Amino acid sequence: MRYPVTFENEGQMMIGVVHRPDEDRNGRRDGRPGVVIYHGFTGTKVEPHRIFVKMAERLAALGIVALRFDFRGSGDSEGNFEDMTFGGEVSDALVALDYMLENEGIDPGRLGVLGLSMGGAVAACVTGRSAKVRTAALWAAVADLNLFRHMAADITAELGDVEYYDRNGNLVGRAFIEGLDGYVPYREVADGKTPVLVVHGDQDPTVPVDHAHKFTAALKQAGNPYRLHIVEGADHTFNSHAWETEVIDVTARWFAETL
């Protein structure tokens, strides 16, 4: 079963969808494990080829409640994309954790996070900053936000004093670039002392597979449990049925084991 939900951060409404096991229609509602899912830069709660919908449905079939939602300024949520900052998405992500615990009856000791691309960087930082996270899964995640710093050159060269520039139809604000300081996802995830699954395609042209190895090196150095799964031949968002199936299967097993 699934249903739409809303919750707010800083006076702006975020739109999400909760997926629950079918038996919850007429019975059990409390004490289940839960996973909150974070989309990527310019993405939405659906993501390409509905991979987030399929992942959430698989989790529900395993007895795990899943929440996928749009960050402020993305998808159906309130706000404007040009006002988006990384810190704002971390804040939204933490609010989503609270929503799950307070409104969906999740066992507070069995809450996980999953993030794709920049959403993976958000998930990494949330894992390091919130004691509420018991386990995490990172898909094609950005380990080092320097990946985005080329945008600063674009802003300076193309816009001068203008606050925004056009990136494939999305206006990106100077505030986004300037707000990257203070966040180091590959270091922060290791602060969480929680198990982490790292999934990456070895042919990812957007976030190179080196980011996966940066995450696992930090986790290994910290002595944290982790699992690295490289999808052979896969691109950034696992755009084939075989790659998608592999990623969902691996991630479903991970959450079944660690929640």
Protein backbone atom coordinates (compact mmCIF):
# COMPACT_ATOMS: atom_id res chain seq x y z
CA MET A 1 0.00 0.00 0.00
CA ARG A 2 1.11 3.57 -0.63
CA TYR A 3 -0.25 7.02 0.12
CA PRO A 4 0.84 10.66 -0.21
CA VAL A 5 2.09 12.61 2.80
CA THR A 6 3.16 16.18 3.51
CA PHE A 7 5.49 17.71 6.08
CA GLU A 8 7.14 21.10 6.46
CA ASN A 9 10.55 22.63 6.87
CA GLU A 10 11.04 26.36 7.39
CA GLY A 11 7.42 27.03 6.46
CA GLN A 12 7.57 25.21 3.11
CA MET A 13 5.67 22.02 2.37
CA MET A 14 7.39 18.91 1.12
CA ILE A 15 5.47 16.23 -0.74
CA GLY A 16 6.23 12.55 -0.28
CA VAL A 17 4.88 9.04 -0.70
CA VAL A 18 4.94 6.39 2.01
CA HIS A 19 5.05 2.70 1.06
CA ARG A 20 3.91 0.20 3.69
CA PRO A 21 3.43 -3.59 3.74
CA ASP A 22 -0.02 -4.51 2.43
CA GLU A 23 -0.99 -6.11 5.73
CA ASP A 24 -0.86 -2.67 7.36
CA ARG A 25 -4.14 -1.77 5.65
CA ASN A 26 -6.15 -3.44 8.37
CA GLY A 27 -3.69 -4.23 11.11
CA ARG A 28 -0.21 -3.50 12.33
CA ARG A 29 0.98 0.10 12.03
CA ASP A 30 3.67 0.58 14.68
CA GLY A 31 7.12 -0.79 15.40
CA ARG A 32 8.25 -1.49 11.87
CA PRO A 33 11.68 -0.64 10.47
CA GLY A 34 11.81 2.29 8.05
CA VAL A 35 13.96 3.76 5.30
CA VAL A 36 13.98 7.38 4.10
CA ILE A 37 15.04 7.85 0.46
CA TYR A 38 16.85 10.96 -0.83
CA HIS A 39 16.92 11.92 -4.51
CA GLY A 40 19.76 13.50 -6.45
CA PHE A 41 20.64 16.93 -7.84
CA THR A 42 17.74 18.03 -10.14
CA GLY A 43 16.05 14.69 -9.37
CA THR A 44 12.73 13.81 -7.74
CA LYS A 45 11.16 11.21 -5.50
CA VAL A 46 10.67 8.98 -8.59
CA GLU A 47 14.13 9.15 -10.25
CA PRO A 48 14.92 7.61 -13.67
CA HIS A 49 12.89 4.57 -14.75
CA ARG A 50 10.99 4.83 -11.43
CA ILE A 51 13.87 3.18 -9.59
CA PHE A 52 12.86 4.81 -6.29
CA VAL A 53 9.27 3.59 -6.66
CA LYS A 54 10.48 0.06 -7.32
CA MET A 55 12.94 0.19 -4.41
CA ALA A 56 10.26 1.43 -2.03
CA GLU A 57 7.88 -1.31 -3.13
CA ARG A 58 10.54 -3.96 -2.57
CA LEU A 59 11.20 -2.64 0.93
CA ALA A 60 7.48 -2.70 1.72
CA ALA A 61 7.31 -6.32 0.56
CA LEU A 62 10.01 -7.07 3.14
CA GLY A 63 8.02 -5.46 5.95
CA ILE A 64 9.97 -2.17 5.85
CA VAL A 65 8.19 1.18 5.60
CA ALA A 66 9.73 3.50 2.97
CA LEU A 67 9.39 7.24 2.48
CA ARG A 68 10.46 8.91 -0.75
CA PHE A 69 9.93 12.67 -1.04
CA ASP A 70 10.97 15.78 -2.94
CA PHE A 71 13.39 18.20 -1.34
CA ARG A 72 12.21 21.80 -1.21
CA GLY A 73 12.49 23.34 -4.66
CA SER A 74 12.34 19.96 -6.41
CA GLY A 75 9.52 17.85 -7.80
CA ASP A 76 6.15 18.61 -6.24
CA SER A 77 7.47 20.31 -3.11
CA GLU A 78 7.23 24.01 -2.39
CA GLY A 79 10.15 26.35 -2.96
CA ASN A 80 12.31 27.23 -5.95
CA PHE A 81 15.24 25.19 -7.20
CA GLU A 82 17.41 28.29 -7.52
CA ASP A 83 17.20 28.69 -3.73
CA MET A 84 18.39 25.13 -3.12
CA THR A 85 21.54 24.62 -1.03
CA PHE A 86 23.25 21.46 0.13
CA GLY A 87 22.73 22.46 3.75
CA GLY A 88 19.04 23.02 3.05
CA GLU A 89 18.73 19.49 1.72
CA VAL A 90 20.49 18.08 4.78
CA SER A 91 17.97 20.00 6.88
CA ASP A 92 15.07 18.61 4.82
CA ALA A 93 16.52 15.12 5.20
CA LEU A 94 16.62 15.40 8.98
CA VAL A 95 13.04 16.67 9.05
CA ALA A 96 12.02 13.62 7.01
CA LEU A 97 13.60 11.34 9.62
CA ASP A 98 11.57 13.05 12.32
CA TYR A 99 8.41 12.71 10.24
CA MET A 100 8.92 8.97 9.93
CA LEU A 101 9.48 8.49 13.63
CA GLU A 102 6.64 10.72 14.78
CA ASN A 103 3.96 9.95 12.21
CA GLU A 104 4.57 6.52 10.69
CA GLY A 105 5.17 4.48 13.84
CA ILE A 106 8.72 3.47 13.00
CA ASP A 107 10.80 1.61 15.56
CA PRO A 108 13.30 4.33 16.60
CA GLY A 109 16.10 1.79 16.69
CA ARG A 110 15.48 0.55 13.14
CA LEU A 111 15.67 3.54 10.81
CA GLY A 112 17.81 3.63 7.67
CA VAL A 113 18.59 6.06 4.86
CA LEU A 114 19.20 5.61 1.14
CA GLY A 115 20.52 8.29 -1.21
CA LEU A 116 21.36 8.58 -4.90
CA SER A 117 24.08 10.88 -6.27
CA MET A 118 23.94 14.18 -4.35
CA GLY A 119 21.20 12.55 -2.31
CA GLY A 120 23.83 9.98 -1.38
CA ALA A 121 26.04 12.80 -0.12
CA VAL A 122 23.07 14.05 1.90
CA ALA A 123 22.51 10.55 3.29
CA ALA A 124 26.20 10.31 4.23
CA CYS A 125 26.07 13.60 6.14
CA VAL A 126 22.79 12.69 7.84
CA THR A 127 24.31 9.36 8.91
CA GLY A 128 27.21 11.17 10.51
CA ARG A 129 25.10 13.86 12.15
CA SER A 130 22.07 11.94 13.43
CA ALA A 131 22.10 9.18 16.02
CA LYS A 132 18.71 8.12 14.65
CA VAL A 133 20.26 6.40 11.62
CA ARG A 134 21.04 2.73 12.15
CA THR A 135 22.15 1.83 8.61
CA ALA A 136 22.70 3.52 5.25
CA ALA A 137 22.92 2.74 1.54
CA LEU A 138 24.68 5.06 -0.91
CA TRP A 139 23.97 4.78 -4.65
CA ALA A 140 26.46 6.48 -7.01
CA ALA A 141 27.01 8.92 -4.18
CA VAL A 142 29.09 12.08 -4.24
CA ALA A 143 31.87 11.60 -1.68
CA ASP A 144 33.54 14.98 -2.13
CA LEU A 145 31.53 18.13 -2.91
CA ASN A 146 34.45 19.54 -4.87
CA LEU A 147 32.72 17.74 -7.74
CA PHE A 148 30.34 20.71 -7.87
CA ARG A 149 32.91 23.45 -7.63
CA HIS A 150 33.34 23.75 -11.39
CA MET A 151 29.99 25.55 -11.21
CA ALA A 152 31.71 28.39 -9.35
CA ALA A 153 33.85 29.08 -12.42
CA ASP A 154 30.75 29.07 -14.61
CA ILE A 155 29.03 31.58 -12.36
CA THR A 156 32.04 33.89 -12.26
CA ALA A 157 32.79 33.70 -15.99
CA GLU A 158 29.25 33.75 -17.36
CA LEU A 159 27.23 35.82 -14.94
CA GLY A 160 29.47 38.29 -13.21
CA ASP A 161 27.40 39.63 -10.36
CA VAL A 162 24.22 37.73 -11.31
CA GLU A 163 23.12 35.30 -8.63
CA TYR A 164 21.97 32.40 -10.84
CA TYR A 165 22.96 30.52 -13.96
CA ASP A 166 21.13 28.08 -16.19
CA ARG A 167 22.08 24.42 -15.92
CA ASN A 168 19.95 22.46 -18.36
CA GLY A 169 16.89 24.55 -17.56
CA ASN A 170 17.45 24.60 -13.82
CA LEU A 171 18.65 27.85 -12.30
CA VAL A 172 21.52 27.16 -9.91
CA GLY A 173 22.24 29.81 -7.31
CA ARG A 174 25.54 31.24 -6.19
CA ALA A 175 24.36 30.31 -2.69
CA PHE A 176 24.58 26.63 -3.63
CA ILE A 177 28.27 26.88 -4.49
CA GLU A 178 29.11 29.06 -1.53
CA GLY A 179 27.20 26.72 0.78
CA LEU A 180 29.29 23.64 -0.01
CA ASP A 181 31.92 24.51 2.56
CA GLY A 182 31.64 22.63 5.82
CA TYR A 183 30.35 19.36 4.35
CA VAL A 184 32.67 16.42 3.62
CA PRO A 185 30.38 13.42 2.97
CA TYR A 186 33.06 10.70 2.91
CA ARG A 187 34.37 11.82 6.28
CA GLU A 188 30.98 12.48 7.84
CA VAL A 189 29.53 9.06 7.02
CA ALA A 190 32.35 7.45 8.99
CA ASP A 191 31.37 9.49 12.05
CA GLY A 192 28.07 7.64 12.20
CA LYS A 193 29.64 4.33 13.28
CA THR A 194 26.85 2.59 11.37
CA PRO A 195 26.92 -0.08 8.63
CA VAL A 196 27.05 1.41 5.13
CA LEU A 197 26.39 -0.15 1.73
CA VAL A 198 28.19 1.59 -1.15
CA VAL A 199 26.86 0.84 -4.66
CA HIS A 200 28.40 2.35 -7.80
CA GLY A 201 28.62 1.70 -11.52
CA ASP A 202 32.16 1.32 -12.80
CA GLN A 203 31.30 3.33 -15.94
CA ASP A 204 29.61 6.24 -14.15
CA PRO A 205 30.36 9.38 -16.22
CA THR A 206 28.78 11.79 -13.73
CA VAL A 207 30.20 10.73 -10.37
CA PRO A 208 33.34 8.65 -11.03
CA VAL A 209 33.64 5.32 -9.28
CA ASP A 210 36.59 6.76 -7.33
CA HIS A 211 33.97 8.37 -5.08
CA ALA A 212 32.84 4.90 -3.96
CA HIS A 213 36.41 4.01 -3.02
CA LYS A 214 36.79 7.27 -1.12
CA PHE A 215 33.76 6.35 0.99
CA THR A 216 34.98 2.83 1.70
CA ALA A 217 38.51 3.98 2.55
CA ALA A 218 37.11 6.36 5.16
CA LEU A 219 34.82 3.69 6.57
CA LYS A 220 37.65 1.17 6.72
CA GLN A 221 39.94 3.62 8.48
CA ALA A 222 37.21 4.34 11.04
CA GLY A 223 36.65 0.62 11.61
CA ASN A 224 33.03 0.82 10.48
CA PRO A 225 31.23 -2.10 8.85
CA TYR A 226 30.61 -1.60 5.14
CA ARG A 227 29.98 -3.43 1.92
CA LEU A 228 31.09 -2.25 -1.53
CA HIS A 229 29.13 -3.41 -4.57
CA ILE A 230 30.35 -2.37 -8.01
CA VAL A 231 27.87 -2.80 -10.86
CA GLU A 232 29.89 -3.80 -13.91
CA GLY A 233 29.31 -1.56 -16.91
CA ALA A 234 26.70 0.58 -15.18
CA ASP A 235 26.23 4.31 -15.67
CA HIS A 236 25.21 6.91 -13.11
CA THR A 237 21.57 5.99 -12.58
CA PHE A 238 21.73 2.29 -13.52
CA ASN A 239 19.84 2.76 -16.77
CA SER A 240 19.18 -0.82 -17.77
CA HIS A 241 16.77 -3.37 -16.38
CA ALA A 242 19.63 -5.69 -15.43
CA TRP A 243 21.57 -2.99 -13.58
CA GLU A 244 18.44 -1.72 -11.85
CA THR A 245 17.48 -5.23 -10.74
CA GLU A 246 20.97 -5.86 -9.38
CA VAL A 247 21.00 -2.63 -7.39
CA ILE A 248 17.54 -3.17 -5.92
CA ASP A 249 18.31 -6.79 -5.00
CA VAL A 250 21.58 -5.91 -3.27
CA THR A 251 20.03 -3.00 -1.41
CA ALA A 252 16.97 -4.96 -0.31
CA ARG A 253 19.21 -7.67 1.16
CA TRP A 254 21.30 -5.03 2.91
CA PHE A 255 18.36 -3.42 4.68
CA ALA A 256 16.83 -6.81 5.54
CA GLU A 257 20.14 -7.72 7.24
CA THR A 258 20.90 -4.44 9.00
CA LEU A 259 17.49 -3.16 10.16
